[in-house]
């Protein structure tokens, strides 16, 4: 919880800042909208890729082992040939 002095100081700064309101007269060209849309879609795509990576890790923690018996036999055969 904030102490009363910090709360009062915050309120004074907020009220002083809101009293200095001025018009910006800013112009947003059509390229700004497409840039914001591209940023939004890129963020969603990135979040989906990260989610997919972590989903596979999550599934692998609770799933069965992905080892195939035929590959294990093949490795055993190679190991026995290397020993000769």
PDB file of N, CA and C in Angstrom:
ATOM      1  N   UNK A   1       0.843  -1.183   0.000  1.00  0.00           N
ATOM      2  CA  UNK A   1       0.000   0.000   0.000  1.00  0.00           C
ATOM      3  C   UNK A   1       0.883   1.240   0.000  1.00  0.00           C
ATOM      4  N   UNK A   2       0.458   2.238  -0.731  1.00  0.00           N
ATOM      5  CA  UNK A   2       1.234   3.479  -0.817  1.00  0.00           C
ATOM      6  C   UNK A   2       1.037   4.305   0.457  1.00  0.00           C
ATOM      7  N   UNK A   3       2.099   4.966   0.838  1.00  0.00           N
ATOM      8  CA  UNK A   3       1.934   5.852   1.983  1.00  0.00           C
ATOM      9  C   UNK A   3       1.189   7.114   1.537  1.00  0.00           C
ATOM     10  N   UNK A   4       0.580   7.851   2.447  1.00  0.00           N
ATOM     11  CA  UNK A   4      -0.262   9.001   2.074  1.00  0.00           C
ATOM     12  C   UNK A   4       0.509  10.099   1.333  1.00  0.00           C
ATOM     13  N   UNK A   5       1.775  10.300   1.659  1.00  0.00           N
ATOM     14  CA  UNK A   5       2.548  11.340   0.991  1.00  0.00           C
ATOM     15  C   UNK A   5       2.742  11.018  -0.482  1.00  0.00           C
ATOM     16  N   UNK A   6       3.068   9.774  -0.792  1.00  0.00           N
ATOM     17  CA  UNK A   6       3.264   9.387  -2.191  1.00  0.00           C
ATOM     18  C   UNK A   6       1.950   9.484  -2.966  1.00  0.00           C
ATOM     19  N   UNK A   7       0.857   9.106  -2.339  1.00  0.00           N
ATOM     20  CA  UNK A   7      -0.444   9.186  -2.980  1.00  0.00           C
ATOM     21  C   UNK A   7      -0.808  10.639  -3.284  1.00  0.00           C
ATOM     22  N   UNK A   8      -0.575  11.528  -2.340  1.00  0.00           N
ATOM     23  CA  UNK A   8      -0.846  12.955  -2.529  1.00  0.00           C
ATOM     24  C   UNK A   8       0.049  13.525  -3.628  1.00  0.00           C
ATOM     25  N   UNK A   9       1.317  13.158  -3.630  1.00  0.00           N
ATOM     26  CA  UNK A   9       2.241  13.630  -4.644  1.00  0.00           C
ATOM     27  C   UNK A   9       1.811  13.147  -6.028  1.00  0.00           C
ATOM     28  N   UNK A  10       1.391  11.916  -6.130  1.00  0.00           N
ATOM     29  CA  UNK A  10       0.913  11.382  -7.406  1.00  0.00           C
ATOM     30  C   UNK A  10      -0.310  12.156  -7.891  1.00  0.00           C
ATOM     31  N   UNK A  11      -1.248  12.415  -7.006  1.00  0.00           N
ATOM     32  CA  UNK A  11      -2.464  13.151  -7.378  1.00  0.00           C
ATOM     33  C   UNK A  11      -2.130  14.568  -7.843  1.00  0.00           C
ATOM     34  N   UNK A  12      -1.201  15.236  -7.159  1.00  0.00           N
ATOM     35  CA  UNK A  12      -0.822  16.598  -7.551  1.00  0.00           C
ATOM     36  C   UNK A  12      -0.154  16.611  -8.927  1.00  0.00           C
ATOM     37  N   UNK A  13       0.735  15.664  -9.179  1.00  0.00           N
ATOM     38  CA  UNK A  13       1.407  15.592 -10.478  1.00  0.00           C
ATOM     39  C   UNK A  13       0.391  15.261 -11.570  1.00  0.00           C
ATOM     40  N   UNK A  14      -0.535  14.359 -11.297  1.00  0.00           N
ATOM     41  CA  UNK A  14      -1.546  13.996 -12.272  1.00  0.00           C
ATOM     42  C   UNK A  14      -2.446  15.179 -12.602  1.00  0.00           C
ATOM     43  N   UNK A  15      -2.898  15.897 -11.578  1.00  0.00           N
ATOM     44  CA  UNK A  15      -3.768  17.045 -11.808  1.00  0.00           C
ATOM     45  C   UNK A  15      -3.028  18.175 -12.526  1.00  0.00           C
ATOM     46  N   UNK A  16      -1.772  18.401 -12.190  1.00  0.00           N
ATOM     47  CA  UNK A  16      -0.996  19.442 -12.866  1.00  0.00           C
ATOM     48  C   UNK A  16      -0.764  19.066 -14.329  1.00  0.00           C
ATOM     49  N   UNK A  17      -0.509  17.804 -14.586  1.00  0.00           N
ATOM     50  CA  UNK A  17      -0.293  17.352 -15.958  1.00  0.00           C
ATOM     51  C   UNK A  17      -1.556  17.412 -16.792  1.00  0.00           C
ATOM     52  N   UNK A  18      -2.688  17.127 -16.196  1.00  0.00           N
ATOM     53  CA  UNK A  18      -3.937  17.171 -16.948  1.00  0.00           C
ATOM     54  C   UNK A  18      -4.374  18.608 -17.221  1.00  0.00           C
ATOM     55  N   UNK A  19      -3.892  19.553 -16.453  1.00  0.00           N
ATOM     56  CA  UNK A  19      -4.217  20.955 -16.685  1.00  0.00           C
ATOM     57  C   UNK A  19      -3.425  21.559 -17.825  1.00  0.00           C
ATOM     58  N   UNK A  20      -2.380  20.898 -18.265  1.00  0.00           N
ATOM     59  CA  UNK A  20      -1.540  21.413 -19.342  1.00  0.00           C
ATOM     60  C   UNK A  20      -1.929  20.824 -20.688  1.00  0.00           C
ATOM     61  N   UNK A  21      -3.180  20.465 -20.858  1.00  0.00           N
ATOM     62  CA  UNK A  21      -3.657  19.822 -22.081  1.00  0.00           C
ATOM     63  C   UNK A  21      -3.622  20.804 -23.248  1.00  0.00           C
ATOM     64  N   UNK A  22      -3.027  20.355 -24.343  1.00  0.00           N
ATOM     65  CA  UNK A  22      -2.982  21.166 -25.557  1.00  0.00           C
ATOM     66  C   UNK A  22      -3.367  20.295 -26.731  1.00  0.00           C
ATOM     67  N   UNK A  23      -3.841  20.929 -27.784  1.00  0.00           N
ATOM     68  CA  UNK A  23      -4.185  20.184 -28.984  1.00  0.00           C
ATOM     69  C   UNK A  23      -2.909  19.828 -29.735  1.00  0.00           C
ATOM     70  N   UNK A  24      -2.862  18.623 -30.288  1.00  0.00           N
ATOM     71  CA  UNK A  24      -1.658  18.160 -30.961  1.00  0.00           C
ATOM     72  C   UNK A  24      -1.660  18.501 -32.442  1.00  0.00           C
ATOM     73  N   UNK A  25      -2.827  18.582 -33.070  1.00  0.00           N
ATOM     74  CA  UNK A  25      -2.942  18.815 -34.499  1.00  0.00           C
ATOM     75  C   UNK A  25      -2.069  17.820 -35.273  1.00  0.00           C
ATOM     76  N   UNK A  26      -2.183  16.560 -34.920  1.00  0.00           N
ATOM     77  CA  UNK A  26      -1.368  15.518 -35.532  1.00  0.00           C
ATOM     78  C   UNK A  26      -2.087  14.955 -36.751  1.00  0.00           C
ATOM     79  N   UNK A  27      -1.318  14.450 -37.680  1.00  0.00           N
ATOM     80  CA  UNK A  27      -1.849  13.842 -38.894  1.00  0.00           C
ATOM     81  C   UNK A  27      -1.359  12.401 -38.968  1.00  0.00           C
ATOM     82  N   UNK A  28      -2.290  11.489 -39.163  1.00  0.00           N
ATOM     83  CA  UNK A  28      -1.952  10.082 -39.332  1.00  0.00           C
ATOM     84  C   UNK A  28      -2.257   9.701 -40.779  1.00  0.00           C
ATOM     85  N   UNK A  29      -1.231   9.391 -41.537  1.00  0.00           N
ATOM     86  CA  UNK A  29      -1.439   9.029 -42.934  1.00  0.00           C
ATOM     87  C   UNK A  29      -1.931   7.581 -43.051  1.00  0.00           C
ATOM     88  N   UNK A  30      -2.412   7.166 -44.218  1.00  0.00           N
ATOM     89  CA  UNK A  30      -2.948   5.809 -44.373  1.00  0.00           C
ATOM     90  C   UNK A  30      -1.915   4.712 -44.105  1.00  0.00           C
ATOM     91  N   UNK A  31      -0.651   4.996 -44.272  1.00  0.00           N
ATOM     92  CA  UNK A  31       0.381   3.998 -44.006  1.00  0.00           C
ATOM     93  C   UNK A  31       0.474   3.630 -42.537  1.00  0.00           C
ATOM     94  N   UNK A  32       0.044   4.530 -41.669  1.00  0.00           N
ATOM     95  CA  UNK A  32       0.095   4.252 -40.232  1.00  0.00           C
ATOM     96  C   UNK A  32      -0.851   3.120 -39.864  1.00  0.00           C
ATOM     97  N   UNK A  33      -2.036   3.117 -40.456  1.00  0.00           N
ATOM     98  CA  UNK A  33      -3.005   2.058 -40.172  1.00  0.00           C
ATOM     99  C   UNK A  33      -2.505   0.696 -40.621  1.00  0.00           C
ATOM    100  N   UNK A  34      -1.895   0.651 -41.800  1.00  0.00           N
ATOM    101  CA  UNK A  34      -1.385  -0.637 -42.272  1.00  0.00           C
ATOM    102  C   UNK A  34      -0.192  -1.088 -41.441  1.00  0.00           C
ATOM    103  N   UNK A  35       0.595  -0.145 -40.944  1.00  0.00           N
ATOM    104  CA  UNK A  35       1.732  -0.511 -40.095  1.00  0.00           C
ATOM    105  C   UNK A  35       1.244  -1.084 -38.764  1.00  0.00           C
ATOM    106  N   UNK A  36       0.208  -0.479 -38.197  1.00  0.00           N
ATOM    107  CA  UNK A  36      -0.347  -0.991 -36.950  1.00  0.00           C
ATOM    108  C   UNK A  36      -0.952  -2.377 -37.168  1.00  0.00           C
ATOM    109  N   UNK A  37      -1.636  -2.574 -38.294  1.00  0.00           N
ATOM    110  CA  UNK A  37      -2.208  -3.880 -38.607  1.00  0.00           C
ATOM    111  C   UNK A  37      -1.114  -4.926 -38.784  1.00  0.00           C
ATOM    112  N   UNK A  38      -0.038  -4.563 -39.466  1.00  0.00           N
ATOM    113  CA  UNK A  38       1.076  -5.487 -39.670  1.00  0.00           C
ATOM    114  C   UNK A  38       1.731  -5.837 -38.331  1.00  0.00           C
ATOM    115  N   UNK A  39       1.880  -4.868 -37.453  1.00  0.00           N
ATOM    116  CA  UNK A  39       2.448  -5.113 -36.126  1.00  0.00           C
ATOM    117  C   UNK A  39       1.567  -6.067 -35.334  1.00  0.00           C
ATOM    118  N   UNK A  40       0.263  -5.860 -35.414  1.00  0.00           N
ATOM    119  CA  UNK A  40      -0.670  -6.715 -34.691  1.00  0.00           C
ATOM    120  C   UNK A  40      -0.638  -8.142 -35.223  1.00  0.00           C
ATOM    121  N   UNK A  41      -0.687  -8.301 -36.544  1.00  0.00           N
ATOM    122  CA  UNK A  41      -0.664  -9.647 -37.127  1.00  0.00           C
ATOM    123  C   UNK A  41       0.679 -10.343 -36.894  1.00  0.00           C
ATOM    124  N   UNK A  42       1.773  -9.607 -36.948  1.00  0.00           N
ATOM    125  CA  UNK A  42       3.080 -10.195 -36.662  1.00  0.00           C
ATOM    126  C   UNK A  42       3.193 -10.652 -35.220  1.00  0.00           C
ATOM    127  N   UNK A  43       2.641  -9.869 -34.303  1.00  0.00           N
ATOM    128  CA  UNK A  43       2.652 -10.268 -32.891  1.00  0.00           C
ATOM    129  C   UNK A  43       1.829 -11.516 -32.646  1.00  0.00           C
ATOM    130  N   UNK A  44       0.678 -11.602 -33.315  1.00  0.00           N
ATOM    131  CA  UNK A  44      -0.159 -12.794 -33.166  1.00  0.00           C
ATOM    132  C   UNK A  44       0.548 -14.021 -33.741  1.00  0.00           C
ATOM    133  N   UNK A  45       1.172 -13.859 -34.915  1.00  0.00           N
ATOM    134  CA  UNK A  45       1.891 -14.982 -35.526  1.00  0.00           C
ATOM    135  C   UNK A  45       3.054 -15.428 -34.641  1.00  0.00           C
ATOM    136  N   UNK A  46       3.792 -14.480 -34.086  1.00  0.00           N
ATOM    137  CA  UNK A  46       4.896 -14.830 -33.192  1.00  0.00           C
ATOM    138  C   UNK A  46       4.417 -15.540 -31.943  1.00  0.00           C
ATOM    139  N   UNK A  47       3.308 -15.078 -31.391  1.00  0.00           N
ATOM    140  CA  UNK A  47       2.760 -15.724 -30.197  1.00  0.00           C
ATOM    141  C   UNK A  47       2.303 -17.152 -30.513  1.00  0.00           C
ATOM    142  N   UNK A  48       1.739 -17.356 -31.704  1.00  0.00           N
ATOM    143  CA  UNK A  48       1.313 -18.707 -32.079  1.00  0.00           C
ATOM    144  C   UNK A  48       2.500 -19.649 -32.247  1.00  0.00           C
ATOM    145  N   UNK A  49       3.587 -19.152 -32.823  1.00  0.00           N
ATOM    146  CA  UNK A  49       4.782 -19.995 -33.002  1.00  0.00           C
ATOM    147  C   UNK A  49       5.373 -20.368 -31.643  1.00  0.00           C
ATOM    148  N   UNK A  50       5.487 -19.400 -30.751  1.00  0.00           N
ATOM    149  CA  UNK A  50       6.019 -19.684 -29.412  1.00  0.00           C
ATOM    150  C   UNK A  50       5.097 -20.647 -28.677  1.00  0.00           C
ATOM    151  N   UNK A  51       3.787 -20.445 -28.817  1.00  0.00           N
ATOM    152  CA  UNK A  51       2.831 -21.354 -28.185  1.00  0.00           C
ATOM    153  C   UNK A  51       2.954 -22.769 -28.713  1.00  0.00           C
ATOM    154  N   UNK A  52       3.188 -22.906 -30.019  1.00  0.00           N
ATOM    155  CA  UNK A  52       3.341 -24.237 -30.607  1.00  0.00           C
ATOM    156  C   UNK A  52       4.594 -24.927 -30.077  1.00  0.00           C
ATOM    157  N   UNK A  53       5.682 -24.182 -29.942  1.00  0.00           N
ATOM    158  CA  UNK A  53       6.909 -24.772 -29.412  1.00  0.00           C
ATOM    159  C   UNK A  53       6.721 -25.266 -27.985  1.00  0.00           C
ATOM    160  N   UNK A  54       6.097 -24.443 -27.161  1.00  0.00           N
ATOM    161  CA  UNK A  54       5.900 -24.847 -25.777  1.00  0.00           C
ATOM    162  C   UNK A  54       4.839 -25.928 -25.654  1.00  0.00           C
ATOM    163  N   UNK A  55       3.865 -25.969 -26.568  1.00  0.00           N
ATOM    164  CA  UNK A  55       2.855 -27.021 -26.531  1.00  0.00           C
ATOM    165  C   UNK A  55       3.501 -28.381 -26.790  1.00  0.00           C
ATOM    166  N   UNK A  56       4.436 -28.435 -27.744  1.00  0.00           N
ATOM    167  CA  UNK A  56       5.121 -29.699 -28.012  1.00  0.00           C
ATOM    168  C   UNK A  56       5.967 -30.124 -26.816  1.00  0.00           C
ATOM    169  N   UNK A  57       6.599 -29.185 -26.154  1.00  0.00           N
ATOM    170  CA  UNK A  57       7.374 -29.532 -24.948  1.00  0.00           C
ATOM    171  C   UNK A  57       6.457 -30.036 -23.847  1.00  0.00           C
ATOM    172  N   UNK A  58       5.295 -29.390 -23.707  1.00  0.00           N
ATOM    173  CA  UNK A  58       4.340 -29.784 -22.683  1.00  0.00           C
ATOM    174  C   UNK A  58       3.806 -31.187 -22.971  1.00  0.00           C
ATOM    175  N   UNK A  59       3.482 -31.456 -24.223  1.00  0.00           N
ATOM    176  CA  UNK A  59       2.979 -32.784 -24.592  1.00  0.00           C
ATOM    177  C   UNK A  59       4.042 -33.849 -24.415  1.00  0.00           C
ATOM    178  N   UNK A  60       5.296 -33.520 -24.688  1.00  0.00           N
ATOM    179  CA  UNK A  60       6.349 -34.522 -24.568  1.00  0.00           C
ATOM    180  C   UNK A  60       6.618 -34.892 -23.107  1.00  0.00           C
ATOM    181  N   UNK A  61       6.311 -34.006 -22.180  1.00  0.00           N
ATOM    182  CA  UNK A  61       6.493 -34.329 -20.766  1.00  0.00           C
ATOM    183  C   UNK A  61       5.501 -35.404 -20.319  1.00  0.00           C
ATOM    184  N   UNK A  62       4.299 -35.393 -20.891  1.00  0.00           N
ATOM    185  CA  UNK A  62       3.267 -36.315 -20.446  1.00  0.00           C
ATOM    186  C   UNK A  62       2.999 -37.444 -21.427  1.00  0.00           C
ATOM    187  N   UNK A  63       3.590 -37.385 -22.602  1.00  0.00           N
ATOM    188  CA  UNK A  63       3.345 -38.409 -23.616  1.00  0.00           C
ATOM    189  C   UNK A  63       4.310 -39.561 -23.493  1.00  0.00           C
ATOM    190  N   UNK A  64       4.095 -40.569 -24.369  1.00  0.00           N
ATOM    191  CA  UNK A  64       4.992 -41.715 -24.403  1.00  0.00           C
ATOM    192  C   UNK A  64       6.289 -41.348 -25.096  1.00  0.00           C
ATOM    193  N   UNK A  65       7.277 -42.165 -24.900  1.00  0.00           N
ATOM    194  CA  UNK A  65       8.568 -41.943 -25.535  1.00  0.00           C
ATOM    195  C   UNK A  65       8.427 -42.135 -27.035  1.00  0.00           C
ATOM    196  N   UNK A  66       9.111 -41.322 -27.799  1.00  0.00           N
ATOM    197  CA  UNK A  66       8.992 -41.381 -29.256  1.00  0.00           C
ATOM    198  C   UNK A  66      10.001 -42.338 -29.868  1.00  0.00           C
ATOM    199  N   UNK A  67      10.685 -43.138 -29.065  1.00  0.00           N
ATOM    200  CA  UNK A  67      11.691 -44.044 -29.614  1.00  0.00           C
ATOM    201  C   UNK A  67      11.009 -45.188 -30.356  1.00  0.00           C
ATOM    202  N   UNK A  68      11.569 -45.523 -31.473  1.00  0.00           N
ATOM    203  CA  UNK A  68      11.039 -46.578 -32.324  1.00  0.00           C
ATOM    204  C   UNK A  68      11.902 -47.821 -32.134  1.00  0.00           C
ATOM    205  N   UNK A  69      11.312 -48.998 -31.908  1.00  0.00           N
ATOM    206  CA  UNK A  69      12.127 -50.203 -31.684  1.00  0.00           C
ATOM    207  C   UNK A  69      13.033 -50.536 -32.861  1.00  0.00           C
ATOM    208  N   UNK A  70      12.590 -50.264 -34.087  1.00  0.00           N
ATOM    209  CA  UNK A  70      13.426 -50.591 -35.240  1.00  0.00           C
ATOM    210  C   UNK A  70      14.680 -49.722 -35.261  1.00  0.00           C
ATOM    211  N   UNK A  71      14.590 -48.480 -34.827  1.00  0.00           N
ATOM    212  CA  UNK A  71      15.787 -47.634 -34.798  1.00  0.00           C
ATOM    213  C   UNK A  71      16.721 -48.067 -33.678  1.00  0.00           C
ATOM    214  N   UNK A  72      16.157 -48.565 -32.587  1.00  0.00           N
ATOM    215  CA  UNK A  72      17.011 -49.047 -31.501  1.00  0.00           C
ATOM    216  C   UNK A  72      17.774 -50.299 -31.940  1.00  0.00           C
ATOM    217  N   UNK A  73      17.103 -51.198 -32.671  1.00  0.00           N
ATOM    218  CA  UNK A  73      17.777 -52.403 -33.178  1.00  0.00           C
ATOM    219  C   UNK A  73      18.865 -52.024 -34.166  1.00  0.00           C
ATOM    220  N   UNK A  74      18.602 -51.027 -34.987  1.00  0.00           N
ATOM    221  CA  UNK A  74      19.592 -50.576 -35.962  1.00  0.00           C
ATOM    222  C   UNK A  74      20.820 -50.004 -35.243  1.00  0.00           C
ATOM    223  N   UNK A  75      20.587 -49.247 -34.172  1.00  0.00           N
ATOM    224  CA  UNK A  75      21.714 -48.699 -33.406  1.00  0.00           C
ATOM    225  C   UNK A  75      22.511 -49.802 -32.725  1.00  0.00           C
ATOM    226  N   UNK A  76      21.806 -50.812 -32.193  1.00  0.00           N
ATOM    227  CA  UNK A  76      22.498 -51.931 -31.562  1.00  0.00           C
ATOM    228  C   UNK A  76      23.363 -52.680 -32.566  1.00  0.00           C
ATOM    229  N   UNK A  77      22.848 -52.847 -33.774  1.00  0.00           N
ATOM    230  CA  UNK A  77      23.609 -53.536 -34.825  1.00  0.00           C
ATOM    231  C   UNK A  77      24.843 -52.732 -35.199  1.00  0.00           C
ATOM    232  N   UNK A  78      24.711 -51.409 -35.266  1.00  0.00           N
ATOM    233  CA  UNK A  78      25.870 -50.574 -35.600  1.00  0.00           C
ATOM    234  C   UNK A  78      26.912 -50.618 -34.494  1.00  0.00           C
ATOM    235  N   UNK A  79      26.456 -50.618 -33.241  1.00  0.00           N
ATOM    236  CA  UNK A  79      27.379 -50.673 -32.120  1.00  0.00           C
ATOM    237  C   UNK A  79      28.160 -51.989 -32.115  1.00  0.00           C
ATOM    238  N   UNK A  80      27.466 -53.078 -32.424  1.00  0.00           N
ATOM    239  CA  UNK A  80      28.158 -54.369 -32.428  1.00  0.00           C
ATOM    240  C   UNK A  80      29.148 -54.448 -33.579  1.00  0.00           C
ATOM    241  N   UNK A  81      28.874 -53.800 -34.702  1.00  0.00           N
ATOM    242  CA  UNK A  81      29.820 -53.789 -35.815  1.00  0.00           C
ATOM    243  C   UNK A  81      31.034 -52.923 -35.478  1.00  0.00           C
ATOM    244  N   UNK A  82      30.814 -51.830 -34.737  1.00  0.00           N
ATOM    245  CA  UNK A  82      31.923 -50.958 -34.350  1.00  0.00           C
ATOM    246  C   UNK A  82      32.856 -51.621 -33.361  1.00  0.00           C
ATOM    247  N   UNK A  83      32.330 -52.571 -32.567  1.00  0.00           N
ATOM    248  CA  UNK A  83      33.151 -53.254 -31.589  1.00  0.00           C
ATOM    249  C   UNK A  83      34.077 -54.279 -32.247  1.00  0.00           C
ATOM    250  N   UNK A  84      33.716 -54.749 -33.413  1.00  0.00           N
ATOM    251  CA  UNK A  84      34.519 -55.792 -34.082  1.00  0.00           C
ATOM    252  C   UNK A  84      35.740 -55.246 -34.681  1.00  0.00           C
TER     253      UNK A  84
END
